[in-house]
Amino acid sequence: MKAYITSQITDSAATKQKILESDALLETIERVARACVQVYRSGRKTLLAGNGGSAADAQHIAAELVGRYGFDRPSLPSLALTTDTSNLTAIGNDYGFDRVFSRQLEGMAQEGDLFIGISTSGNSPNVINAFESAKVKGVTTVALVGRDGGKMAAMADFAIVVPSNATPRIQESHILIGHILCDIIEKELFGEGVGA
């Protein structure tokens, strides 16, 4: 069993190493971080959504921004569209599960906001529909995906595609990237920045 545990850790580290070795991917993460900082400097908010483990990641990232990540500072407006069971069940019942995020964006998103859609496959219909609603509202879109990026990568303003086909490895990398974004946002807005 120890060998199996070791293999899982090694596999996870190898996925992160691929990210580290991709200049294009690192540049995209940097561009997304800069976009997030600009959103907050403009008095706007971030919104996030995903399904299953990706819903948990959306909530985790939003909580780091509203609460704190590395140090005490003013709260930042961030909303996970996965948390309001009344909204989710009402929209799901009245419009269908594929509209649970897009309908919320129609009501709550403002021009200048930023939406992060999270999906390991990049093909979640309800997140794809959310991208369409975001575009109509003038919201910047980020696809946090894996595999080949799916449909979401082609739709988004920014696509961060984790180079893996394994759902656990993609999800582990998603939360790492989410933490990096939170760290940069916090330091750029309230700390000493992170350098050029």
Protein backbone atom coordinates (compact mmCIF):
# COMPACT_ATOMS: atom_id res chain seq x y z
CA MET A 1 0.00 0.00 0.00
CA LYS A 2 2.85 2.43 0.75
CA ALA A 3 4.06 2.03 -2.85
CA TYR A 4 0.58 2.90 -4.12
CA ILE A 5 0.39 5.98 -1.90
CA THR A 6 3.79 7.04 -3.15
CA SER A 7 2.68 6.57 -6.76
CA GLN A 8 -0.33 8.84 -6.20
CA ILE A 9 1.81 11.59 -4.72
CA THR A 10 4.36 11.19 -7.51
CA ASP A 11 1.60 11.42 -10.14
CA SER A 12 0.20 14.58 -8.55
CA ALA A 13 3.64 16.16 -8.42
CA ALA A 14 4.25 15.23 -12.07
CA THR A 15 1.09 17.06 -13.14
CA LYS A 16 2.18 20.17 -11.28
CA GLN A 17 5.63 19.86 -12.83
CA LYS A 18 4.02 19.95 -16.29
CA ILE A 19 2.32 23.21 -15.34
CA LEU A 20 5.63 24.57 -14.07
CA GLU A 21 7.33 23.71 -17.36
CA SER A 22 4.67 25.34 -19.57
CA ASP A 23 5.52 29.00 -20.18
CA ALA A 24 2.19 29.48 -21.96
CA LEU A 25 0.23 28.10 -19.01
CA LEU A 26 2.18 30.16 -16.47
CA GLU A 27 1.60 33.26 -18.59
CA THR A 28 -2.14 32.56 -18.69
CA ILE A 29 -2.28 32.18 -14.91
CA GLU A 30 -0.45 35.52 -14.61
CA ARG A 31 -2.87 37.19 -17.02
CA VAL A 32 -5.84 35.86 -15.04
CA ALA A 33 -4.31 37.11 -11.79
CA ARG A 34 -3.83 40.58 -13.31
CA ALA A 35 -7.42 40.54 -14.59
CA CYS A 36 -8.71 39.64 -11.11
CA VAL A 37 -6.71 42.43 -9.52
CA GLN A 38 -8.11 44.90 -12.06
CA VAL A 39 -11.65 43.70 -11.36
CA TYR A 40 -11.22 44.48 -7.67
CA ARG A 41 -9.51 47.81 -8.33
CA SER A 42 -12.55 48.72 -10.43
CA GLY A 43 -14.93 47.94 -7.58
CA ARG A 44 -16.35 44.80 -9.16
CA LYS A 45 -16.56 41.17 -8.01
CA THR A 46 -15.66 37.63 -8.94
CA LEU A 47 -18.19 34.85 -9.38
CA LEU A 48 -17.40 31.13 -9.56
CA ALA A 49 -19.23 27.91 -10.37
CA GLY A 50 -18.66 24.22 -10.98
CA ASN A 51 -20.18 20.82 -10.25
CA GLY A 52 -19.25 18.27 -7.60
CA GLY A 53 -15.61 18.68 -6.57
CA SER A 54 -15.45 21.76 -8.79
CA ALA A 55 -18.37 23.25 -6.83
CA ALA A 56 -16.32 22.72 -3.68
CA ASP A 57 -13.35 24.44 -5.35
CA ALA A 58 -15.56 27.39 -6.35
CA GLN A 59 -16.71 27.75 -2.75
CA HIS A 60 -13.17 27.35 -1.41
CA ILE A 61 -11.74 30.08 -3.64
CA ALA A 62 -14.63 32.47 -2.93
CA ALA A 63 -14.19 31.91 0.81
CA GLU A 64 -10.47 32.75 0.60
CA LEU A 65 -11.35 36.06 -1.06
CA VAL A 66 -14.27 37.04 1.17
CA GLY A 67 -12.50 35.93 4.35
CA ARG A 68 -8.73 35.98 4.08
CA TYR A 69 -5.99 34.01 2.43
CA GLY A 70 -2.62 34.80 4.01
CA PHE A 71 -3.20 37.83 6.22
CA ASP A 72 -5.91 40.09 7.63
CA ARG A 73 -7.21 42.67 5.17
CA PRO A 74 -10.56 44.06 3.95
CA SER A 75 -13.01 41.52 2.55
CA LEU A 76 -13.25 41.11 -1.22
CA PRO A 77 -16.59 40.46 -2.96
CA SER A 78 -16.65 36.94 -4.38
CA LEU A 79 -19.66 34.70 -4.87
CA ALA A 80 -19.83 30.95 -5.47
CA LEU A 81 -23.02 30.26 -7.43
CA THR A 82 -23.13 26.76 -5.94
CA THR A 83 -24.16 27.58 -2.38
CA ASP A 84 -27.75 28.83 -2.40
CA THR A 85 -29.94 25.72 -2.31
CA SER A 86 -33.13 27.72 -2.79
CA ASN A 87 -31.76 29.25 -6.00
CA LEU A 88 -30.34 25.95 -7.23
CA THR A 89 -33.52 23.98 -6.62
CA ALA A 90 -35.92 26.67 -7.85
CA ILE A 91 -33.97 27.31 -11.05
CA GLY A 92 -33.36 23.60 -11.56
CA ASN A 93 -37.06 22.86 -11.11
CA ASP A 94 -38.38 25.76 -13.22
CA TYR A 95 -35.73 26.02 -15.95
CA GLY A 96 -33.65 22.84 -15.74
CA PHE A 97 -30.28 22.00 -14.18
CA ASP A 98 -28.47 23.37 -17.21
CA ARG A 99 -29.61 26.88 -16.24
CA VAL A 100 -28.69 26.88 -12.52
CA PHE A 101 -25.64 29.11 -13.01
CA SER A 102 -26.64 31.13 -16.07
CA ARG A 103 -29.85 32.32 -14.43
CA GLN A 104 -27.93 33.53 -11.38
CA LEU A 105 -25.47 35.40 -13.58
CA GLU A 106 -28.36 37.05 -15.40
CA GLY A 107 -29.54 38.49 -12.10
CA MET A 108 -26.34 39.15 -10.18
CA ALA A 109 -23.49 39.75 -12.62
CA GLN A 110 -22.52 43.26 -13.64
CA GLU A 111 -20.41 44.49 -16.50
CA GLY A 112 -16.79 44.43 -15.37
CA ASP A 113 -17.18 41.40 -13.10
CA LEU A 114 -15.15 38.22 -13.65
CA PHE A 115 -16.58 34.70 -13.80
CA ILE A 116 -14.49 31.58 -13.22
CA GLY A 117 -16.11 28.41 -14.52
CA ILE A 118 -14.51 25.23 -13.17
CA SER A 119 -14.82 21.84 -14.87
CA THR A 120 -12.40 18.94 -15.20
CA SER A 121 -13.75 18.08 -18.67
CA GLY A 122 -14.51 21.60 -19.86
CA ASN A 123 -17.86 20.33 -21.14
CA SER A 124 -20.29 20.89 -18.24
CA PRO A 125 -23.50 22.18 -19.89
CA ASN A 126 -24.53 24.38 -16.96
CA VAL A 127 -21.11 26.08 -16.87
CA ILE A 128 -21.12 26.49 -20.67
CA ASN A 129 -24.50 28.22 -20.39
CA ALA A 130 -23.07 30.42 -17.65
CA PHE A 131 -20.31 31.56 -20.04
CA GLU A 132 -22.96 32.56 -22.56
CA SER A 133 -24.84 34.61 -19.95
CA ALA A 134 -21.58 36.18 -18.77
CA LYS A 135 -20.74 37.33 -22.30
CA VAL A 136 -24.13 39.03 -22.63
CA LYS A 137 -23.53 40.86 -19.34
CA GLY A 138 -20.02 42.06 -20.28
CA VAL A 139 -18.35 39.78 -17.74
CA THR A 140 -14.78 38.54 -18.26
CA THR A 141 -14.68 34.73 -18.32
CA VAL A 142 -12.06 32.25 -17.14
CA ALA A 143 -12.22 28.51 -17.85
CA LEU A 144 -10.39 26.48 -15.22
CA VAL A 145 -10.38 23.08 -16.91
CA GLY A 146 -8.38 19.96 -17.74
CA ARG A 147 -7.99 17.35 -20.48
CA ASP A 148 -8.22 19.14 -23.88
CA GLY A 149 -10.08 22.13 -22.41
CA GLY A 150 -13.42 21.06 -23.83
CA LYS A 151 -15.95 23.56 -25.16
CA MET A 152 -15.31 25.94 -22.27
CA ALA A 153 -11.71 26.64 -23.25
CA ALA A 154 -12.81 27.90 -26.66
CA MET A 155 -15.53 30.11 -25.15
CA ALA A 156 -13.56 31.78 -22.37
CA ASP A 157 -11.52 34.97 -22.45
CA PHE A 158 -8.85 33.01 -20.57
CA ALA A 159 -8.43 29.23 -20.46
CA ILE A 160 -6.25 27.57 -17.83
CA VAL A 161 -6.03 23.97 -19.02
CA VAL A 162 -4.38 21.56 -16.59
CA PRO A 163 -2.31 19.07 -18.65
CA SER A 164 -3.89 15.85 -17.34
CA ASN A 165 -6.72 13.46 -18.18
CA ALA A 166 -7.12 12.28 -14.57
CA THR A 167 -9.91 14.02 -12.64
CA PRO A 168 -8.14 13.89 -9.24
CA ARG A 169 -4.94 15.37 -10.68
CA ILE A 170 -6.89 18.12 -12.44
CA GLN A 171 -8.79 19.00 -9.26
CA GLU A 172 -5.60 19.05 -7.18
CA SER A 173 -4.07 21.45 -9.67
CA HIS A 174 -7.20 23.59 -9.80
CA ILE A 175 -7.02 24.34 -6.09
CA LEU A 176 -3.29 25.08 -6.36
CA ILE A 177 -4.03 27.58 -9.14
CA GLY A 178 -6.92 29.01 -7.11
CA HIS A 179 -4.58 29.52 -4.16
CA ILE A 180 -2.01 31.23 -6.37
CA LEU A 181 -4.68 33.61 -7.67
CA CYS A 182 -5.89 34.41 -4.14
CA ASP A 183 -2.34 34.99 -2.96
CA ILE A 184 -1.50 37.38 -5.80
CA ILE A 185 -4.81 39.26 -5.50
CA GLU A 186 -4.32 39.76 -1.77
CA LYS A 187 -0.70 40.86 -2.00
CA GLU A 188 -1.26 43.16 -4.97
CA LEU A 189 -4.24 44.90 -3.37
CA PHE A 190 -3.24 44.98 0.28
CA GLY A 191 0.38 43.91 0.58
CA GLU A 192 3.64 44.75 -1.10
CA GLY A 193 2.79 43.04 -4.38
CA VAL A 194 4.53 40.04 -5.86
CA GLY A 195 6.89 41.69 -8.34
CA ALA A 196 6.80 42.13 -12.09
